[in-house]
Each structure stands twice: as structure tokens, then as C-alpha cells.
Amino acid sequence: MSDETLEFNLDDLTIVEICEIEELTGQPFDALNDPTKPKGKMLQAMAFISKRRANPDFTFEDAGDIKISVNSDEAGPTNGDE
């Protein structure tokens, strides 16, 4: 397991990356703000997209070992605001 923490800004995502996250998770991207939807696969997909930018060989499975910190100005269940 990695000791790395990934800080992530939702505003940095491209439309293509959002589409890929939706394909990887089978959920609409706005499920991230739905407290009834699971978050693990969505966060793993976001970590994968972010890390793959610097390392094309980085895999979705590799992303499961990263600690993630999500930064967004929007309130929601993933950043502790309501």
C-alpha cells in the first residue's frame, strides 16, 4: 500500500477525463455529491486519471493504493461540508 496522498481539484478535470471516470465507475459524475452512492470506485478513478497524466503506465489498480484528499469549493459529502 502506498503512503502517497493525492490532493485533487475537481476544477482540473477535462470533459474527456470526466467521461472516462463515468465509464470506469458506471456512475454519472454527479454521483460524487450523492450521499446514497458509493464513493470508492469514483475516488479510485479520479486518482487514476490524475496520476496517469504524469505516468502513462499508471494503472487503475495502482490507484487503489493511494490516499486521496479531494479539494473543491463546492460543498458535499466527500469534502466534509454540507
PDB file of N, CA and C in Angstrom:
ATOM      1  N   MET A   1       0.835  -1.185   0.000  1.00  0.00           N
ATOM      2  CA  MET A   1       0.000   0.000   0.000  1.00  0.00           C
ATOM      3  C   MET A   1       0.876   1.243   0.000  1.00  0.00           C
ATOM      4  N   SER A   2       0.501   2.239  -0.735  1.00  0.00           N
ATOM      5  CA  SER A   2       1.270   3.467  -0.876  1.00  0.00           C
ATOM      6  C   SER A   2       1.032   4.408   0.295  1.00  0.00           C
ATOM      7  N   ASP A   3       2.082   5.143   0.662  1.00  0.00           N
ATOM      8  CA  ASP A   3       1.937   6.185   1.679  1.00  0.00           C
ATOM      9  C   ASP A   3       1.662   7.535   1.034  1.00  0.00           C
ATOM     10  N   GLU A   4       1.552   7.535  -0.268  1.00  0.00           N
ATOM     11  CA  GLU A   4       1.322   8.759  -1.010  1.00  0.00           C
ATOM     12  C   GLU A   4      -0.108   9.252  -0.799  1.00  0.00           C
ATOM     13  N   THR A   5      -0.253  10.573  -0.642  1.00  0.00           N
ATOM     14  CA  THR A   5      -1.565  11.205  -0.584  1.00  0.00           C
ATOM     15  C   THR A   5      -1.706  12.075  -1.817  1.00  0.00           C
ATOM     16  N   LEU A   6      -2.801  11.934  -2.517  1.00  0.00           N
ATOM     17  CA  LEU A   6      -3.045  12.699  -3.728  1.00  0.00           C
ATOM     18  C   LEU A   6      -4.040  13.801  -3.422  1.00  0.00           C
ATOM     19  N   GLU A   7      -3.631  15.036  -3.648  1.00  0.00           N
ATOM     20  CA  GLU A   7      -4.549  16.160  -3.498  1.00  0.00           C
ATOM     21  C   GLU A   7      -5.166  16.409  -4.863  1.00  0.00           C
ATOM     22  N   PHE A   8      -6.477  16.588  -4.899  1.00  0.00           N
ATOM     23  CA  PHE A   8      -7.185  16.606  -6.170  1.00  0.00           C
ATOM     24  C   PHE A   8      -8.140  17.779  -6.228  1.00  0.00           C
ATOM     25  N   ASN A   9      -8.113  18.511  -7.341  1.00  0.00           N
ATOM     26  CA  ASN A   9      -9.025  19.632  -7.545  1.00  0.00           C
ATOM     27  C   ASN A   9      -9.977  19.268  -8.681  1.00  0.00           C
ATOM     28  N   LEU A  10     -11.253  19.216  -8.397  1.00  0.00           N
ATOM     29  CA  LEU A  10     -12.253  18.838  -9.402  1.00  0.00           C
ATOM     30  C   LEU A  10     -12.266  19.786 -10.593  1.00  0.00           C
ATOM     31  N   ASP A  11     -11.851  21.024 -10.394  1.00  0.00           N
ATOM     32  CA  ASP A  11     -11.846  22.003 -11.472  1.00  0.00           C
ATOM     33  C   ASP A  11     -10.771  21.718 -12.523  1.00  0.00           C
ATOM     34  N   ASP A  12      -9.833  20.823 -12.223  1.00  0.00           N
ATOM     35  CA  ASP A  12      -8.761  20.491 -13.160  1.00  0.00           C
ATOM     36  C   ASP A  12      -9.142  19.415 -14.167  1.00  0.00           C
ATOM     37  N   LEU A  13     -10.290  18.800 -14.022  1.00  0.00           N
ATOM     38  CA  LEU A  13     -10.699  17.715 -14.917  1.00  0.00           C
ATOM     39  C   LEU A  13     -11.142  18.252 -16.271  1.00  0.00           C
ATOM     40  N   THR A  14     -10.760  17.526 -17.326  1.00  0.00           N
ATOM     41  CA  THR A  14     -11.269  17.843 -18.654  1.00  0.00           C
ATOM     42  C   THR A  14     -12.567  17.055 -18.868  1.00  0.00           C
ATOM     43  N   ILE A  15     -13.295  17.415 -19.889  1.00  0.00           N
ATOM     44  CA  ILE A  15     -14.538  16.704 -20.202  1.00  0.00           C
ATOM     45  C   ILE A  15     -14.236  15.244 -20.528  1.00  0.00           C
ATOM     46  N   VAL A  16     -13.179  15.000 -21.291  1.00  0.00           N
ATOM     47  CA  VAL A  16     -12.810  13.623 -21.638  1.00  0.00           C
ATOM     48  C   VAL A  16     -12.495  12.828 -20.371  1.00  0.00           C
ATOM     49  N   GLU A  17     -11.809  13.445 -19.418  1.00  0.00           N
ATOM     50  CA  GLU A  17     -11.485  12.750 -18.174  1.00  0.00           C
ATOM     51  C   GLU A  17     -12.740  12.436 -17.368  1.00  0.00           C
ATOM     52  N   ILE A  18     -13.695  13.346 -17.344  1.00  0.00           N
ATOM     53  CA  ILE A  18     -14.968  13.088 -16.654  1.00  0.00           C
ATOM     54  C   ILE A  18     -15.691  11.923 -17.324  1.00  0.00           C
ATOM     55  N   CYS A  19     -15.698  11.896 -18.640  1.00  0.00           N
ATOM     56  CA  CYS A  19     -16.315  10.771 -19.364  1.00  0.00           C
ATOM     57  C   CYS A  19     -15.628   9.464 -19.003  1.00  0.00           C
ATOM     58  N   GLU A  20     -14.307   9.471 -18.920  1.00  0.00           N
ATOM     59  CA  GLU A  20     -13.584   8.251 -18.585  1.00  0.00           C
ATOM     60  C   GLU A  20     -13.885   7.801 -17.154  1.00  0.00           C
ATOM     61  N   ILE A  21     -13.990   8.745 -16.241  1.00  0.00           N
ATOM     62  CA  ILE A  21     -14.355   8.406 -14.852  1.00  0.00           C
ATOM     63  C   ILE A  21     -15.727   7.753 -14.825  1.00  0.00           C
ATOM     64  N   GLU A  22     -16.660   8.302 -15.588  1.00  0.00           N
ATOM     65  CA  GLU A  22     -18.003   7.717 -15.652  1.00  0.00           C
ATOM     66  C   GLU A  22     -17.966   6.309 -16.249  1.00  0.00           C
ATOM     67  N   GLU A  23     -17.147   6.095 -17.265  1.00  0.00           N
ATOM     68  CA  GLU A  23     -17.031   4.766 -17.867  1.00  0.00           C
ATOM     69  C   GLU A  23     -16.406   3.767 -16.892  1.00  0.00           C
ATOM     70  N   LEU A  24     -15.379   4.202 -16.164  1.00  0.00           N
ATOM     71  CA  LEU A  24     -14.708   3.320 -15.212  1.00  0.00           C
ATOM     72  C   LEU A  24     -15.608   2.930 -14.043  1.00  0.00           C
ATOM     73  N   THR A  25     -16.464   3.855 -13.636  1.00  0.00           N
ATOM     74  CA  THR A  25     -17.276   3.625 -12.446  1.00  0.00           C
ATOM     75  C   THR A  25     -18.684   3.136 -12.751  1.00  0.00           C
ATOM     76  N   GLY A  26     -19.155   3.379 -13.958  1.00  0.00           N
ATOM     77  CA  GLY A  26     -20.536   3.034 -14.283  1.00  0.00           C
ATOM     78  C   GLY A  26     -21.539   3.947 -13.604  1.00  0.00           C
ATOM     79  N   GLN A  27     -21.079   5.120 -13.154  1.00  0.00           N
ATOM     80  CA  GLN A  27     -21.946   6.086 -12.478  1.00  0.00           C
ATOM     81  C   GLN A  27     -21.806   7.448 -13.142  1.00  0.00           C
ATOM     82  N   PRO A  28     -22.843   8.280 -13.073  1.00  0.00           N
ATOM     83  CA  PRO A  28     -22.690   9.659 -13.531  1.00  0.00           C
ATOM     84  C   PRO A  28     -21.743  10.398 -12.582  1.00  0.00           C
ATOM     85  N   PHE A  29     -21.016  11.371 -13.107  1.00  0.00           N
ATOM     86  CA  PHE A  29     -20.031  12.080 -12.297  1.00  0.00           C
ATOM     87  C   PHE A  29     -20.667  12.768 -11.088  1.00  0.00           C
ATOM     88  N   ASP A  30     -21.899  13.245 -11.228  1.00  0.00           N
ATOM     89  CA  ASP A  30     -22.536  13.928 -10.102  1.00  0.00           C
ATOM     90  C   ASP A  30     -22.914  12.978  -8.969  1.00  0.00           C
ATOM     91  N   ALA A  31     -22.707  11.678  -9.155  1.00  0.00           N
ATOM     92  CA  ALA A  31     -22.916  10.720  -8.055  1.00  0.00           C
ATOM     93  C   ALA A  31     -21.944  11.002  -6.913  1.00  0.00           C
ATOM     94  N   LEU A  32     -20.869  11.726  -7.209  1.00  0.00           N
ATOM     95  CA  LEU A  32     -19.900  12.101  -6.186  1.00  0.00           C
ATOM     96  C   LEU A  32     -20.556  12.919  -5.073  1.00  0.00           C
ATOM     97  N   ASN A  33     -21.577  13.687  -5.415  1.00  0.00           N
ATOM     98  CA  ASN A  33     -22.272  14.512  -4.425  1.00  0.00           C
ATOM     99  C   ASN A  33     -23.552  13.878  -3.897  1.00  0.00           C
ATOM    100  N   ASP A  34     -23.800  12.641  -4.258  1.00  0.00           N
ATOM    101  CA  ASP A  34     -24.996  11.928  -3.798  1.00  0.00           C
ATOM    102  C   ASP A  34     -24.621  11.054  -2.603  1.00  0.00           C
ATOM    103  N   PRO A  35     -25.100  11.388  -1.411  1.00  0.00           N
ATOM    104  CA  PRO A  35     -24.714  10.633  -0.215  1.00  0.00           C
ATOM    105  C   PRO A  35     -25.176   9.174  -0.229  1.00  0.00           C
ATOM    106  N   THR A  36     -26.072   8.812  -1.132  1.00  0.00           N
ATOM    107  CA  THR A  36     -26.541   7.431  -1.190  1.00  0.00           C
ATOM    108  C   THR A  36     -25.697   6.562  -2.124  1.00  0.00           C
ATOM    109  N   LYS A  37     -24.780   7.171  -2.880  1.00  0.00           N
ATOM    110  CA  LYS A  37     -23.954   6.436  -3.845  1.00  0.00           C
ATOM    111  C   LYS A  37     -22.588   6.102  -3.242  1.00  0.00           C
ATOM    112  N   PRO A  38     -22.035   4.926  -3.579  1.00  0.00           N
ATOM    113  CA  PRO A  38     -20.698   4.576  -3.106  1.00  0.00           C
ATOM    114  C   PRO A  38     -19.649   5.505  -3.718  1.00  0.00           C
ATOM    115  N   LYS A  39     -18.575   5.767  -2.975  1.00  0.00           N
ATOM    116  CA  LYS A  39     -17.552   6.717  -3.421  1.00  0.00           C
ATOM    117  C   LYS A  39     -16.222   6.072  -3.779  1.00  0.00           C
ATOM    118  N   GLY A  40     -15.956   4.870  -3.333  1.00  0.00           N
ATOM    119  CA  GLY A  40     -14.638   4.270  -3.505  1.00  0.00           C
ATOM    120  C   GLY A  40     -14.172   4.196  -4.942  1.00  0.00           C
ATOM    121  N   LYS A  41     -14.982   3.641  -5.814  1.00  0.00           N
ATOM    122  CA  LYS A  41     -14.584   3.483  -7.205  1.00  0.00           C
ATOM    123  C   LYS A  41     -14.436   4.840  -7.886  1.00  0.00           C
ATOM    124  N   MET A  42     -15.277   5.797  -7.510  1.00  0.00           N
ATOM    125  CA  MET A  42     -15.195   7.143  -8.079  1.00  0.00           C
ATOM    126  C   MET A  42     -13.868   7.799  -7.681  1.00  0.00           C
ATOM    127  N   LEU A  43     -13.498   7.672  -6.418  1.00  0.00           N
ATOM    128  CA  LEU A  43     -12.237   8.253  -5.961  1.00  0.00           C
ATOM    129  C   LEU A  43     -11.043   7.546  -6.591  1.00  0.00           C
ATOM    130  N   GLN A  44     -11.137   6.231  -6.747  1.00  0.00           N
ATOM    131  CA  GLN A  44     -10.066   5.483  -7.390  1.00  0.00           C
ATOM    132  C   GLN A  44      -9.904   5.943  -8.841  1.00  0.00           C
ATOM    133  N   ALA A  45     -11.002   6.157  -9.537  1.00  0.00           N
ATOM    134  CA  ALA A  45     -10.951   6.625 -10.921  1.00  0.00           C
ATOM    135  C   ALA A  45     -10.341   8.019 -11.007  1.00  0.00           C
ATOM    136  N   MET A  46     -10.674   8.893 -10.072  1.00  0.00           N
ATOM    137  CA  MET A  46     -10.109  10.235 -10.062  1.00  0.00           C
ATOM    138  C   MET A  46      -8.605  10.191  -9.807  1.00  0.00           C
ATOM    139  N   ALA A  47      -8.171   9.344  -8.894  1.00  0.00           N
ATOM    140  CA  ALA A  47      -6.737   9.184  -8.626  1.00  0.00           C
ATOM    141  C   ALA A  47      -6.028   8.643  -9.862  1.00  0.00           C
ATOM    142  N   PHE A  48      -6.642   7.668 -10.523  1.00  0.00           N
ATOM    143  CA  PHE A  48      -6.068   7.087 -11.735  1.00  0.00           C
ATOM    144  C   PHE A  48      -5.872   8.146 -12.813  1.00  0.00           C
ATOM    145  N   ILE A  49      -6.896   8.937 -13.061  1.00  0.00           N
ATOM    146  CA  ILE A  49      -6.821   9.986 -14.087  1.00  0.00           C
ATOM    147  C   ILE A  49      -5.704  10.974 -13.757  1.00  0.00           C
ATOM    148  N   SER A  50      -5.634  11.381 -12.524  1.00  0.00           N
ATOM    149  CA  SER A  50      -4.635  12.366 -12.113  1.00  0.00           C
ATOM    150  C   SER A  50      -3.210  11.832 -12.249  1.00  0.00           C
ATOM    151  N   LYS A  51      -2.962  10.631 -11.759  1.00  0.00           N
ATOM    152  CA  LYS A  51      -1.619  10.058 -11.788  1.00  0.00           C
ATOM    153  C   LYS A  51      -1.200   9.666 -13.210  1.00  0.00           C
ATOM    154  N   ARG A  52      -2.132   9.256 -14.026  1.00  0.00           N
ATOM    155  CA  ARG A  52      -1.828   8.858 -15.394  1.00  0.00           C
ATOM    156  C   ARG A  52      -1.337  10.036 -16.235  1.00  0.00           C
ATOM    157  N   ARG A  53      -1.705  11.250 -15.837  1.00  0.00           N
ATOM    158  CA  ARG A  53      -1.229  12.429 -16.563  1.00  0.00           C
ATOM    159  C   ARG A  53       0.305  12.472 -16.580  1.00  0.00           C
ATOM    160  N   ALA A  54       0.927  12.125 -15.470  1.00  0.00           N
ATOM    161  CA  ALA A  54       2.387  12.161 -15.359  1.00  0.00           C
ATOM    162  C   ALA A  54       3.036  10.828 -15.720  1.00  0.00           C
ATOM    163  N   ASN A  55       2.277   9.735 -15.601  1.00  0.00           N
ATOM    164  CA  ASN A  55       2.836   8.407 -15.835  1.00  0.00           C
ATOM    165  C   ASN A  55       1.828   7.578 -16.632  1.00  0.00           C
ATOM    166  N   PRO A  56       1.990   7.502 -17.939  1.00  0.00           N
ATOM    167  CA  PRO A  56       1.033   6.757 -18.780  1.00  0.00           C
ATOM    168  C   PRO A  56       0.926   5.276 -18.440  1.00  0.00           C
ATOM    169  N   ASP A  57       1.909   4.737 -17.724  1.00  0.00           N
ATOM    170  CA  ASP A  57       1.879   3.326 -17.344  1.00  0.00           C
ATOM    171  C   ASP A  57       1.136   3.074 -16.034  1.00  0.00           C
ATOM    172  N   PHE A  58       0.711   4.146 -15.369  1.00  0.00           N
ATOM    173  CA  PHE A  58      -0.020   4.024 -14.108  1.00  0.00           C
ATOM    174  C   PHE A  58      -1.362   3.357 -14.375  1.00  0.00           C
ATOM    175  N   THR A  59      -1.748   2.397 -13.544  1.00  0.00           N
ATOM    176  CA  THR A  59      -2.976   1.639 -13.798  1.00  0.00           C
ATOM    177  C   THR A  59      -4.086   2.005 -12.815  1.00  0.00           C
ATOM    178  N   PHE A  60      -5.298   1.630 -13.194  1.00  0.00           N
ATOM    179  CA  PHE A  60      -6.455   1.823 -12.319  1.00  0.00           C
ATOM    180  C   PHE A  60      -6.249   1.064 -11.007  1.00  0.00           C
ATOM    181  N   GLU A  61      -5.662  -0.122 -11.103  1.00  0.00           N
ATOM    182  CA  GLU A  61      -5.402  -0.923  -9.899  1.00  0.00           C
ATOM    183  C   GLU A  61      -4.385  -0.227  -8.990  1.00  0.00           C
ATOM    184  N   ASP A  62      -3.347   0.404  -9.569  1.00  0.00           N
ATOM    185  CA  ASP A  62      -2.366   1.163  -8.790  1.00  0.00           C
ATOM    186  C   ASP A  62      -3.052   2.266  -7.985  1.00  0.00           C
ATOM    187  N   ALA A  63      -4.060   2.862  -8.568  1.00  0.00           N
ATOM    188  CA  ALA A  63      -4.749   3.983  -7.922  1.00  0.00           C
ATOM    189  C   ALA A  63      -5.446   3.563  -6.635  1.00  0.00           C
ATOM    190  N   GLY A  64      -5.769   2.293  -6.509  1.00  0.00           N
ATOM    191  CA  GLY A  64      -6.438   1.817  -5.299  1.00  0.00           C
ATOM    192  C   GLY A  64      -5.564   1.875  -4.061  1.00  0.00           C
ATOM    193  N   ASP A  65      -4.262   2.050  -4.229  1.00  0.00           N
ATOM    194  CA  ASP A  65      -3.340   2.089  -3.098  1.00  0.00           C
ATOM    195  C   ASP A  65      -3.015   3.504  -2.634  1.00  0.00           C
ATOM    196  N   ILE A  66      -3.608   4.497  -3.264  1.00  0.00           N
ATOM    197  CA  ILE A  66      -3.290   5.892  -2.939  1.00  0.00           C
ATOM    198  C   ILE A  66      -4.301   6.446  -1.951  1.00  0.00           C
ATOM    199  N   LYS A  67      -3.790   7.237  -1.005  1.00  0.00           N
ATOM    200  CA  LYS A  67      -4.670   8.013  -0.126  1.00  0.00           C
ATOM    201  C   LYS A  67      -5.057   9.254  -0.916  1.00  0.00           C
ATOM    202  N   ILE A  68      -6.319   9.671  -0.797  1.00  0.00           N
ATOM    203  CA  ILE A  68      -6.787  10.794  -1.609  1.00  0.00           C
ATOM    204  C   ILE A  68      -7.386  11.888  -0.731  1.00  0.00           C
ATOM    205  N   SER A  69      -7.086  13.125  -1.107  1.00  0.00           N
ATOM    206  CA  SER A  69      -7.645  14.298  -0.452  1.00  0.00           C
ATOM    207  C   SER A  69      -8.316  15.115  -1.544  1.00  0.00           C
ATOM    208  N   VAL A  70      -9.624  15.276  -1.484  1.00  0.00           N
ATOM    209  CA  VAL A  70     -10.370  15.961  -2.531  1.00  0.00           C
ATOM    210  C   VAL A  70     -10.594  17.408  -2.121  1.00  0.00           C
ATOM    211  N   ASN A  71     -10.191  18.335  -2.995  1.00  0.00           N
ATOM    212  CA  ASN A  71     -10.407  19.758  -2.764  1.00  0.00           C
ATOM    213  C   ASN A  71     -11.409  20.275  -3.771  1.00  0.00           C
ATOM    214  N   SER A  72     -12.421  20.961  -3.278  1.00  0.00           N
ATOM    215  CA  SER A  72     -13.408  21.569  -4.151  1.00  0.00           C
ATOM    216  C   SER A  72     -14.078  22.693  -3.382  1.00  0.00           C
ATOM    217  N   ASP A  73     -14.434  23.753  -4.093  1.00  0.00           N
ATOM    218  CA  ASP A  73     -15.149  24.849  -3.454  1.00  0.00           C
ATOM    219  C   ASP A  73     -16.601  24.481  -3.179  1.00  0.00           C
ATOM    220  N   GLU A  74     -17.078  23.434  -3.854  1.00  0.00           N
ATOM    221  CA  GLU A  74     -18.464  23.011  -3.670  1.00  0.00           C
ATOM    222  C   GLU A  74     -18.600  22.173  -2.401  1.00  0.00           C
ATOM    223  N   ALA A  75     -19.684  22.391  -1.691  1.00  0.00           N
ATOM    224  CA  ALA A  75     -19.965  21.578  -0.511  1.00  0.00           C
ATOM    225  C   ALA A  75     -20.440  20.209  -0.958  1.00  0.00           C
ATOM    226  N   GLY A  76     -20.108  19.215  -0.147  1.00  0.00           N
ATOM    227  CA  GLY A  76     -20.567  17.877  -0.488  1.00  0.00           C
ATOM    228  C   GLY A  76     -20.030  16.852   0.493  1.00  0.00           C
ATOM    229  N   PRO A  77     -20.527  15.632   0.397  1.00  0.00           N
ATOM    230  CA  PRO A  77     -20.159  14.589   1.370  1.00  0.00           C
ATOM    231  C   PRO A  77     -18.711  14.133   1.249  1.00  0.00           C
ATOM    232  N   THR A  78     -18.039  14.440   0.161  1.00  0.00           N
ATOM    233  CA  THR A  78     -16.664  13.971   0.016  1.00  0.00           C
ATOM    234  C   THR A  78     -15.648  14.944   0.591  1.00  0.00           C
ATOM    235  N   ASN A  79     -16.047  16.153   0.894  1.00  0.00           N
ATOM    236  CA  ASN A  79     -15.086  17.094   1.450  1.00  0.00           C
ATOM    237  C   ASN A  79     -15.475  17.584   2.835  1.00  0.00           C
ATOM    238  N   GLY A  80     -16.421  16.934   3.460  1.00  0.00           N
ATOM    239  CA  GLY A  80     -16.780  17.209   4.843  1.00  0.00           C
ATOM    240  C   GLY A  80     -17.723  18.376   5.054  1.00  0.00           C
ATOM    241  N   ASP A  81     -18.133  19.062   4.004  1.00  0.00           N
ATOM    242  CA  ASP A  81     -19.067  20.173   4.131  1.00  0.00           C
ATOM    243  C   ASP A  81     -20.471  19.720   3.787  1.00  0.00           C
ATOM    244  N   GLU A  82     -21.426  20.457   4.240  1.00  0.00           N
ATOM    245  CA  GLU A  82     -22.806  20.149   3.877  1.00  0.00           C
ATOM    246  C   GLU A  82     -23.454  21.359   3.274  1.00  0.00           C
TER     247      GLU A  82
END
